[in-house]
Amino acid sequence: MEKSEKEQIFGILCGTVDRLRGKKEYEIITSLYDNLLKYKLIHSIEDFKAGKVIKGSIEEALIYWIWRALVQHKSIKNLIPMTKEDISKLFEAEDNSHKHIAF
């Protein structure tokens, strides 16, 4: 797959993942992420958190939206309301290299 085709697909997926919210949609996001990893089309969330993904790339954006959806799902499942600080801790990168991503 050419780089530009991959970037176009990732761009479409970013918007789609951002709009998915419910339980069934969470399963779609999880399946999408697992399959992208399986075929080595993207880096893992762990790589993203460790700063191993090119900053400003469409891949970084897609992993961010997947990560955000997974964190949001986790916070929704949690019966105890999460504070802004709790949510921020979930998004903290191990080396703080992604502090430029605001929410």
N, C-alpha and C. Protein backbone atom coordinates (compact mmCIF):
# COMPACT_ATOMS: atom_id res chain seq x y z
N MET A 1 0.85 -1.17 0.00
CA MET A 1 0.00 0.00 0.00
C MET A 1 0.90 1.24 0.00
N GLU A 2 0.62 2.18 -0.88
CA GLU A 2 1.40 3.40 -0.95
C GLU A 2 1.15 4.26 0.28
N LYS A 3 2.15 5.04 0.62
CA LYS A 3 2.06 5.88 1.81
C LYS A 3 0.85 6.82 1.75
N SER A 4 0.61 7.44 0.60
CA SER A 4 -0.50 8.37 0.50
C SER A 4 -1.85 7.66 0.67
N GLU A 5 -1.97 6.45 0.17
CA GLU A 5 -3.20 5.68 0.35
C GLU A 5 -3.40 5.35 1.83
N LYS A 6 -2.32 4.94 2.49
CA LYS A 6 -2.38 4.62 3.92
C LYS A 6 -2.77 5.86 4.72
N GLU A 7 -2.20 7.01 4.39
CA GLU A 7 -2.53 8.24 5.08
C GLU A 7 -3.99 8.63 4.86
N GLN A 8 -4.51 8.42 3.66
CA GLN A 8 -5.91 8.72 3.38
C GLN A 8 -6.82 7.83 4.21
N ILE A 9 -6.50 6.54 4.26
CA ILE A 9 -7.31 5.60 5.05
C ILE A 9 -7.26 5.98 6.51
N PHE A 10 -6.06 6.28 7.04
CA PHE A 10 -5.93 6.68 8.44
C PHE A 10 -6.73 7.95 8.73
N GLY A 11 -6.72 8.89 7.78
CA GLY A 11 -7.49 10.13 7.94
C GLY A 11 -8.98 9.85 8.07
N ILE A 12 -9.49 8.97 7.25
CA ILE A 12 -10.90 8.58 7.32
C ILE A 12 -11.20 7.90 8.65
N LEU A 13 -10.31 7.01 9.05
CA LEU A 13 -10.51 6.27 10.30
C LEU A 13 -10.47 7.19 11.53
N CYS A 14 -9.65 8.24 11.50
CA CYS A 14 -9.59 9.18 12.62
C CYS A 14 -10.97 9.77 12.90
N GLY A 15 -11.60 10.27 11.86
CA GLY A 15 -12.92 10.87 12.01
C GLY A 15 -13.96 9.85 12.46
N THR A 16 -13.88 8.65 11.91
CA THR A 16 -14.84 7.60 12.27
C THR A 16 -14.69 7.20 13.73
N VAL A 17 -13.46 6.96 14.17
CA VAL A 17 -13.23 6.55 15.56
C VAL A 17 -13.68 7.65 16.51
N ASP A 18 -13.46 8.91 16.16
CA ASP A 18 -13.87 10.02 17.01
C ASP A 18 -15.38 10.04 17.23
N ARG A 19 -16.15 9.61 16.24
CA ARG A 19 -17.61 9.65 16.35
C ARG A 19 -18.21 8.42 17.04
N LEU A 20 -17.43 7.37 17.23
CA LEU A 20 -17.95 6.16 17.85
C LEU A 20 -17.97 6.31 19.37
N ARG A 21 -19.08 5.98 20.00
CA ARG A 21 -19.20 6.21 21.44
C ARG A 21 -19.74 5.02 22.25
N GLY A 22 -20.69 4.27 21.74
CA GLY A 22 -21.38 3.25 22.53
C GLY A 22 -20.60 1.95 22.69
N LYS A 23 -21.21 0.99 23.41
CA LYS A 23 -20.57 -0.29 23.69
C LYS A 23 -20.25 -1.05 22.41
N LYS A 24 -21.22 -1.15 21.51
CA LYS A 24 -20.99 -1.85 20.25
C LYS A 24 -19.90 -1.14 19.45
N GLU A 25 -19.93 0.18 19.48
CA GLU A 25 -18.92 0.95 18.78
C GLU A 25 -17.54 0.75 19.39
N TYR A 26 -17.49 0.60 20.71
CA TYR A 26 -16.22 0.31 21.39
C TYR A 26 -15.64 -1.00 20.87
N GLU A 27 -16.50 -1.98 20.68
CA GLU A 27 -16.05 -3.27 20.14
C GLU A 27 -15.50 -3.12 18.72
N ILE A 28 -16.10 -2.23 17.94
CA ILE A 28 -15.62 -1.96 16.59
C ILE A 28 -14.22 -1.34 16.65
N ILE A 29 -14.04 -0.38 17.54
CA ILE A 29 -12.74 0.28 17.69
C ILE A 29 -11.68 -0.72 18.13
N THR A 30 -12.03 -1.56 19.10
CA THR A 30 -11.09 -2.57 19.58
C THR A 30 -10.70 -3.53 18.46
N SER A 31 -11.67 -3.96 17.68
CA SER A 31 -11.41 -4.86 16.56
C SER A 31 -10.55 -4.17 15.50
N LEU A 32 -10.86 -2.92 15.19
CA LEU A 32 -10.07 -2.15 14.23
C LEU A 32 -8.62 -2.07 14.70
N TYR A 33 -8.41 -1.69 15.95
CA TYR A 33 -7.06 -1.56 16.50
C TYR A 33 -6.32 -2.89 16.45
N ASP A 34 -6.99 -3.95 16.89
CA ASP A 34 -6.35 -5.28 16.88
C ASP A 34 -5.93 -5.71 15.48
N ASN A 35 -6.79 -5.44 14.50
CA ASN A 35 -6.47 -5.83 13.12
C ASN A 35 -5.37 -4.96 12.52
N LEU A 36 -5.38 -3.67 12.82
CA LEU A 36 -4.30 -2.82 12.34
C LEU A 36 -2.96 -3.26 12.91
N LEU A 37 -2.97 -3.66 14.18
CA LEU A 37 -1.74 -4.18 14.81
C LEU A 37 -1.34 -5.52 14.19
N LYS A 38 -2.33 -6.39 14.02
CA LYS A 38 -2.07 -7.73 13.48
C LYS A 38 -1.34 -7.66 12.14
N TYR A 39 -1.76 -6.73 11.30
CA TYR A 39 -1.15 -6.60 9.98
C TYR A 39 -0.02 -5.57 9.96
N LYS A 40 0.39 -5.15 11.14
CA LYS A 40 1.52 -4.23 11.31
C LYS A 40 1.37 -2.95 10.49
N LEU A 41 0.14 -2.42 10.50
CA LEU A 41 -0.13 -1.18 9.78
C LEU A 41 0.09 0.04 10.66
N ILE A 42 0.01 -0.14 11.98
CA ILE A 42 0.25 0.96 12.90
C ILE A 42 1.10 0.48 14.07
N HIS A 43 1.64 1.45 14.80
CA HIS A 43 2.35 1.16 16.03
C HIS A 43 1.33 0.89 17.13
N SER A 44 1.77 0.34 18.22
CA SER A 44 0.89 0.08 19.36
C SER A 44 0.68 1.36 20.17
N ILE A 45 -0.32 1.34 21.02
CA ILE A 45 -0.56 2.46 21.93
C ILE A 45 0.65 2.64 22.84
N GLU A 46 1.26 1.54 23.23
CA GLU A 46 2.45 1.62 24.07
C GLU A 46 3.58 2.37 23.36
N ASP A 47 3.75 2.10 22.06
CA ASP A 47 4.75 2.83 21.27
C ASP A 47 4.40 4.32 21.22
N PHE A 48 3.12 4.60 21.04
CA PHE A 48 2.64 5.98 21.02
C PHE A 48 2.98 6.69 22.33
N LYS A 49 2.67 6.04 23.44
CA LYS A 49 2.94 6.62 24.76
C LYS A 49 4.43 6.80 25.00
N ALA A 50 5.24 5.94 24.41
CA ALA A 50 6.69 6.02 24.59
C ALA A 50 7.34 6.98 23.60
N GLY A 51 6.53 7.63 22.75
CA GLY A 51 7.07 8.61 21.82
C GLY A 51 7.72 8.01 20.58
N LYS A 52 7.34 6.79 20.23
CA LYS A 52 7.96 6.10 19.09
C LYS A 52 7.20 6.31 17.77
N VAL A 53 6.16 7.14 17.79
CA VAL A 53 5.37 7.40 16.59
C VAL A 53 5.73 8.81 16.12
N ILE A 54 5.82 9.00 14.82
CA ILE A 54 6.20 10.29 14.27
C ILE A 54 5.18 11.36 14.67
N LYS A 55 5.67 12.39 15.37
CA LYS A 55 4.80 13.49 15.81
C LYS A 55 4.20 14.20 14.60
N GLY A 56 2.90 14.48 14.69
CA GLY A 56 2.22 15.19 13.63
C GLY A 56 1.78 14.32 12.46
N SER A 57 2.08 13.02 12.52
CA SER A 57 1.69 12.13 11.42
C SER A 57 0.23 11.72 11.57
N ILE A 58 -0.35 11.29 10.47
CA ILE A 58 -1.73 10.81 10.51
C ILE A 58 -1.81 9.53 11.34
N GLU A 59 -0.75 8.74 11.37
CA GLU A 59 -0.73 7.54 12.21
C GLU A 59 -0.83 7.94 13.68
N GLU A 60 -0.10 8.98 14.08
CA GLU A 60 -0.17 9.45 15.45
C GLU A 60 -1.59 9.88 15.79
N ALA A 61 -2.23 10.58 14.86
CA ALA A 61 -3.60 11.03 15.09
C ALA A 61 -4.55 9.84 15.26
N LEU A 62 -4.43 8.85 14.39
CA LEU A 62 -5.30 7.68 14.47
C LEU A 62 -5.10 6.94 15.79
N ILE A 63 -3.86 6.71 16.18
CA ILE A 63 -3.60 6.02 17.45
C ILE A 63 -4.14 6.84 18.61
N TYR A 64 -3.98 8.16 18.54
CA TYR A 64 -4.52 9.03 19.58
C TYR A 64 -6.02 8.85 19.70
N TRP A 65 -6.77 8.86 18.58
CA TRP A 65 -8.23 8.74 18.64
C TRP A 65 -8.65 7.36 19.15
N ILE A 66 -7.92 6.34 18.77
CA ILE A 66 -8.22 5.00 19.29
C ILE A 66 -7.96 4.98 20.79
N TRP A 67 -6.83 5.50 21.20
CA TRP A 67 -6.47 5.55 22.61
C TRP A 67 -7.51 6.33 23.41
N ARG A 68 -7.90 7.47 22.88
CA ARG A 68 -8.90 8.30 23.56
C ARG A 68 -10.22 7.55 23.72
N ALA A 69 -10.65 6.84 22.67
CA ALA A 69 -11.90 6.08 22.74
C ALA A 69 -11.81 4.98 23.80
N LEU A 70 -10.67 4.31 23.87
CA LEU A 70 -10.51 3.25 24.86
C LEU A 70 -10.51 3.82 26.28
N VAL A 71 -9.87 4.96 26.48
CA VAL A 71 -9.86 5.60 27.79
C VAL A 71 -11.25 6.09 28.17
N GLN A 72 -11.97 6.67 27.21
CA GLN A 72 -13.33 7.13 27.48
C GLN A 72 -14.22 5.97 27.85
N HIS A 73 -14.08 4.85 27.16
CA HIS A 73 -14.87 3.67 27.48
C HIS A 73 -14.57 3.20 28.90
N LYS A 74 -13.29 3.20 29.25
CA LYS A 74 -12.89 2.78 30.59
C LYS A 74 -13.49 3.71 31.64
N SER A 75 -13.51 5.01 31.38
CA SER A 75 -14.05 5.95 32.36
C SER A 75 -15.57 5.84 32.46
N ILE A 76 -16.23 5.49 31.37
CA ILE A 76 -17.69 5.31 31.39
C ILE A 76 -18.06 4.05 32.17
N LYS A 77 -17.25 2.98 31.99
CA LYS A 77 -17.51 1.73 32.71
C LYS A 77 -17.28 1.88 34.20
N ASN A 78 -16.40 2.80 34.58
CA ASN A 78 -16.06 3.02 35.97
C ASN A 78 -17.25 3.68 36.66
N LEU A 79 -17.77 3.07 37.71
CA LEU A 79 -18.93 3.60 38.41
C LEU A 79 -18.61 4.85 39.22
N ILE A 80 -17.36 5.00 39.60
CA ILE A 80 -16.94 6.17 40.36
C ILE A 80 -16.56 7.26 39.36
N PRO A 81 -17.19 8.44 39.47
CA PRO A 81 -16.85 9.51 38.54
C PRO A 81 -15.35 9.83 38.57
N MET A 82 -14.79 10.04 37.41
CA MET A 82 -13.37 10.35 37.32
C MET A 82 -13.18 11.87 37.29
N THR A 83 -12.18 12.34 38.00
CA THR A 83 -11.84 13.76 37.97
C THR A 83 -11.04 14.04 36.71
N LYS A 84 -10.88 15.32 36.41
CA LYS A 84 -10.06 15.71 35.26
C LYS A 84 -8.63 15.20 35.45
N GLU A 85 -8.15 15.21 36.68
CA GLU A 85 -6.80 14.72 36.97
C GLU A 85 -6.68 13.22 36.71
N ASP A 86 -7.73 12.46 37.10
CA ASP A 86 -7.73 11.01 36.84
C ASP A 86 -7.65 10.73 35.35
N ILE A 87 -8.44 11.48 34.59
CA ILE A 87 -8.45 11.29 33.14
C ILE A 87 -7.10 11.70 32.54
N SER A 88 -6.54 12.79 33.03
CA SER A 88 -5.24 13.25 32.54
C SER A 88 -4.17 12.19 32.77
N LYS A 89 -4.21 11.52 33.92
CA LYS A 89 -3.23 10.47 34.23
C LYS A 89 -3.33 9.33 33.23
N LEU A 90 -4.55 9.01 32.81
CA LEU A 90 -4.72 7.93 31.82
C LEU A 90 -4.08 8.30 30.50
N PHE A 91 -4.06 9.60 30.17
CA PHE A 91 -3.53 10.05 28.89
C PHE A 91 -2.04 10.39 28.94
N GLU A 92 -1.45 10.42 30.13
CA GLU A 92 -0.05 10.81 30.24
C GLU A 92 0.86 9.84 29.50
N ALA A 93 1.72 10.39 28.68
CA ALA A 93 2.72 9.58 28.00
C ALA A 93 3.86 9.31 28.97
N GLU A 94 4.47 8.15 28.82
CA GLU A 94 5.54 7.76 29.74
C GLU A 94 6.68 8.75 29.75
N ASP A 95 7.00 9.33 28.61
CA ASP A 95 8.11 10.28 28.55
C ASP A 95 7.64 11.71 28.31
N ASN A 96 6.33 11.93 28.44
CA ASN A 96 5.73 13.26 28.27
C ASN A 96 5.97 13.85 26.89
N SER A 97 6.27 13.04 25.90
CA SER A 97 6.56 13.56 24.56
C SER A 97 5.30 13.97 23.80
N HIS A 98 4.14 13.61 24.31
CA HIS A 98 2.91 13.94 23.60
C HIS A 98 2.09 14.99 24.35
N LYS A 99 2.74 15.83 25.13
CA LYS A 99 2.04 16.88 25.88
C LYS A 99 1.35 17.87 24.95
N HIS A 100 1.73 17.91 23.69
CA HIS A 100 1.13 18.84 22.74
C HIS A 100 -0.30 18.45 22.37
N ILE A 101 -0.72 17.25 22.74
CA ILE A 101 -2.08 16.79 22.43
C ILE A 101 -2.97 17.22 23.59
N ALA A 102 -3.86 18.14 23.34
CA ALA A 102 -4.73 18.67 24.40
C ALA A 102 -6.13 18.10 24.26
N PHE A 103 -6.80 18.02 25.37
CA PHE A 103 -8.21 17.60 25.36
C PHE A 103 -8.98 18.36 26.40
